């Protein structure tokens, strides 16, 4: 089964800024990482998923941050044919200073 080697950490970002979460797992066969927000796969033009380590590692980048829209728990799932594991991190977004 997959095992996490790097898990995302809770973050606070500023409105208009950027947030990045990193998630990486190991296992045999090599797991794939997927990101979810509120039970749905992340998809938005402001969300960029950058894979590394053949998909066993992933960076979720959110830019520019929106105060209410992006505040959520983001879940990282690592899956291979033997099972799946989940971990999550919370993103808080503060109003930026003008």
C-alpha atoms as a PDB file:
ATOM      1  CA  UNK A   1       0.000   0.000   0.000  1.00  0.00           C
ATOM      2  CA  UNK A   2       1.123   3.593  -0.474  1.00  0.00           C
ATOM      3  CA  UNK A   3       2.882   5.429   2.349  1.00  0.00           C
ATOM      4  CA  UNK A   4       3.202   9.206   2.540  1.00  0.00           C
ATOM      5  CA  UNK A   5       6.735  10.592   2.555  1.00  0.00           C
ATOM      6  CA  UNK A   6       5.629  14.224   2.364  1.00  0.00           C
ATOM      7  CA  UNK A   7       2.264  15.568   3.505  1.00  0.00           C
ATOM      8  CA  UNK A   8       0.729  18.996   2.895  1.00  0.00           C
ATOM      9  CA  UNK A   9       0.762  21.442   5.799  1.00  0.00           C
ATOM     10  CA  UNK A  10      -1.922  23.907   6.850  1.00  0.00           C
ATOM     11  CA  UNK A  11      -1.340  27.306   5.302  1.00  0.00           C
ATOM     12  CA  UNK A  12      -2.488  30.877   5.496  1.00  0.00           C
ATOM     13  CA  UNK A  13      -2.206  33.000   2.382  1.00  0.00           C
ATOM     14  CA  UNK A  14      -3.065  36.554   1.382  1.00  0.00           C
ATOM     15  CA  UNK A  15      -5.814  37.401  -1.060  1.00  0.00           C
ATOM     16  CA  UNK A  16      -4.234  37.806  -4.495  1.00  0.00           C
ATOM     17  CA  UNK A  17      -1.189  35.800  -3.409  1.00  0.00           C
ATOM     18  CA  UNK A  18      -0.209  32.190  -3.933  1.00  0.00           C
ATOM     19  CA  UNK A  19      -0.393  28.984  -1.880  1.00  0.00           C
ATOM     20  CA  UNK A  20       1.375  25.693  -2.574  1.00  0.00           C
ATOM     21  CA  UNK A  21       0.743  22.287  -1.035  1.00  0.00           C
ATOM     22  CA  UNK A  22       3.170  19.396  -1.525  1.00  0.00           C
ATOM     23  CA  UNK A  23       2.238  15.732  -1.273  1.00  0.00           C
ATOM     24  CA  UNK A  24       4.399  12.694  -2.031  1.00  0.00           C
ATOM     25  CA  UNK A  25       3.960   8.969  -1.477  1.00  0.00           C
ATOM     26  CA  UNK A  26       5.891   5.795  -2.038  1.00  0.00           C
ATOM     27  CA  UNK A  27       4.729   2.240  -2.677  1.00  0.00           C
ATOM     28  CA  UNK A  28       4.884  -0.713  -5.044  1.00  0.00           C
ATOM     29  CA  UNK A  29       3.417  -0.262  -7.599  1.00  0.00           C
ATOM     30  CA  UNK A  30       4.174   3.460  -7.581  1.00  0.00           C
ATOM     31  CA  UNK A  31       1.125   5.407  -6.367  1.00  0.00           C
ATOM     32  CA  UNK A  32      -0.587   8.301  -8.162  1.00  0.00           C
ATOM     33  CA  UNK A  33      -1.489  11.495  -6.332  1.00  0.00           C
ATOM     34  CA  UNK A  34      -4.837  13.224  -6.751  1.00  0.00           C
ATOM     35  CA  UNK A  35      -6.087  16.419  -5.087  1.00  0.00           C
ATOM     36  CA  UNK A  36      -9.625  16.990  -3.875  1.00  0.00           C
ATOM     37  CA  UNK A  37     -11.418  20.015  -2.476  1.00  0.00           C
ATOM     38  CA  UNK A  38     -14.697  19.405  -0.652  1.00  0.00           C
ATOM     39  CA  UNK A  39     -14.925  15.909  -2.135  1.00  0.00           C
ATOM     40  CA  UNK A  40     -14.394  17.012  -5.746  1.00  0.00           C
ATOM     41  CA  UNK A  41     -11.279  16.817  -7.875  1.00  0.00           C
ATOM     42  CA  UNK A  42      -9.663  20.247  -8.026  1.00  0.00           C
ATOM     43  CA  UNK A  43     -10.235  22.036 -11.295  1.00  0.00           C
ATOM     44  CA  UNK A  44      -9.925  25.722 -11.934  1.00  0.00           C
ATOM     45  CA  UNK A  45      -7.768  27.933 -14.077  1.00  0.00           C
ATOM     46  CA  UNK A  46      -6.232  29.230 -10.856  1.00  0.00           C
ATOM     47  CA  UNK A  47      -5.286  25.722  -9.723  1.00  0.00           C
ATOM     48  CA  UNK A  48      -2.119  24.201 -11.118  1.00  0.00           C
ATOM     49  CA  UNK A  49      -1.046  20.647 -10.342  1.00  0.00           C
ATOM     50  CA  UNK A  50       2.649  20.001 -10.934  1.00  0.00           C
ATOM     51  CA  UNK A  51       3.634  16.342 -10.828  1.00  0.00           C
ATOM     52  CA  UNK A  52       7.080  14.990 -10.021  1.00  0.00           C
ATOM     53  CA  UNK A  53       8.540  11.534  -9.330  1.00  0.00           C
ATOM     54  CA  UNK A  54       6.389  10.028 -12.146  1.00  0.00           C
ATOM     55  CA  UNK A  55       3.181  11.232 -10.490  1.00  0.00           C
ATOM     56  CA  UNK A  56       3.991   9.868  -7.014  1.00  0.00           C
ATOM     57  CA  UNK A  57       4.676  13.439  -5.949  1.00  0.00           C
ATOM     58  CA  UNK A  58       2.504  16.451  -6.600  1.00  0.00           C
ATOM     59  CA  UNK A  59       2.402  20.167  -5.912  1.00  0.00           C
ATOM     60  CA  UNK A  60      -0.955  21.939  -5.817  1.00  0.00           C
ATOM     61  CA  UNK A  61      -0.502  25.640  -6.575  1.00  0.00           C
ATOM     62  CA  UNK A  62      -3.373  28.092  -6.167  1.00  0.00           C
ATOM     63  CA  UNK A  63      -2.968  31.587  -7.594  1.00  0.00           C
ATOM     64  CA  UNK A  64      -4.299  34.229  -7.221  1.00  0.00           C
ATOM     65  CA  UNK A  65      -5.969  33.356  -3.925  1.00  0.00           C
ATOM     66  CA  UNK A  66      -9.595  34.348  -3.333  1.00  0.00           C
ATOM     67  CA  UNK A  67     -10.754  34.964   0.224  1.00  0.00           C
ATOM     68  CA  UNK A  68     -13.916  32.887   0.522  1.00  0.00           C
ATOM     69  CA  UNK A  69     -13.665  30.722  -2.551  1.00  0.00           C
ATOM     70  CA  UNK A  70     -10.344  29.054  -1.741  1.00  0.00           C
ATOM     71  CA  UNK A  71     -10.663  28.662   2.038  1.00  0.00           C
ATOM     72  CA  UNK A  72     -11.139  24.933   2.404  1.00  0.00           C
ATOM     73  CA  UNK A  73      -9.650  21.606   3.374  1.00  0.00           C
ATOM     74  CA  UNK A  74      -7.583  20.205   0.513  1.00  0.00           C
ATOM     75  CA  UNK A  75      -7.202  16.439   0.459  1.00  0.00           C
ATOM     76  CA  UNK A  76      -4.310  14.537  -1.059  1.00  0.00           C
ATOM     77  CA  UNK A  77      -4.992  10.914  -2.051  1.00  0.00           C
ATOM     78  CA  UNK A  78      -2.277   8.423  -2.996  1.00  0.00           C
ATOM     79  CA  UNK A  79      -3.596   5.381  -4.852  1.00  0.00           C
ATOM     80  CA  UNK A  80      -2.116   2.192  -6.226  1.00  0.00           C
ATOM     81  CA  UNK A  81      -3.576  -1.224  -6.992  1.00  0.00           C
ATOM     82  CA  UNK A  82      -3.202  -2.295  -3.333  1.00  0.00           C
ATOM     83  CA  UNK A  83      -5.113   0.565  -1.788  1.00  0.00           C
ATOM     84  CA  UNK A  84      -5.357   4.262  -1.120  1.00  0.00           C
ATOM     85  CA  UNK A  85      -4.449   6.651   1.673  1.00  0.00           C
ATOM     86  CA  UNK A  86      -5.576  10.203   2.366  1.00  0.00           C
ATOM     87  CA  UNK A  87      -4.211  13.227   4.139  1.00  0.00           C
ATOM     88  CA  UNK A  88      -5.433  16.788   4.202  1.00  0.00           C
ATOM     89  CA  UNK A  89      -4.429  20.360   4.934  1.00  0.00           C
ATOM     90  CA  UNK A  90      -6.389  23.527   5.550  1.00  0.00           C
ATOM     91  CA  UNK A  91      -5.990  26.737   3.601  1.00  0.00           C
ATOM     92  CA  UNK A  92      -6.956  30.035   5.206  1.00  0.00           C
ATOM     93  CA  UNK A  93      -6.970  33.184   3.104  1.00  0.00           C
ATOM     94  CA  UNK A  94      -6.656  36.660   4.604  1.00  0.00           C
ATOM     95  CA  UNK A  95      -7.729  39.896   2.966  1.00  0.00           C
ATOM     96  CA  UNK A  96      -4.599  41.480   1.496  1.00  0.00           C
ATOM     97  CA  UNK A  97      -3.492  44.947   2.583  1.00  0.00           C
ATOM     98  CA  UNK A  98      -3.907  47.598  -0.105  1.00  0.00           C
END
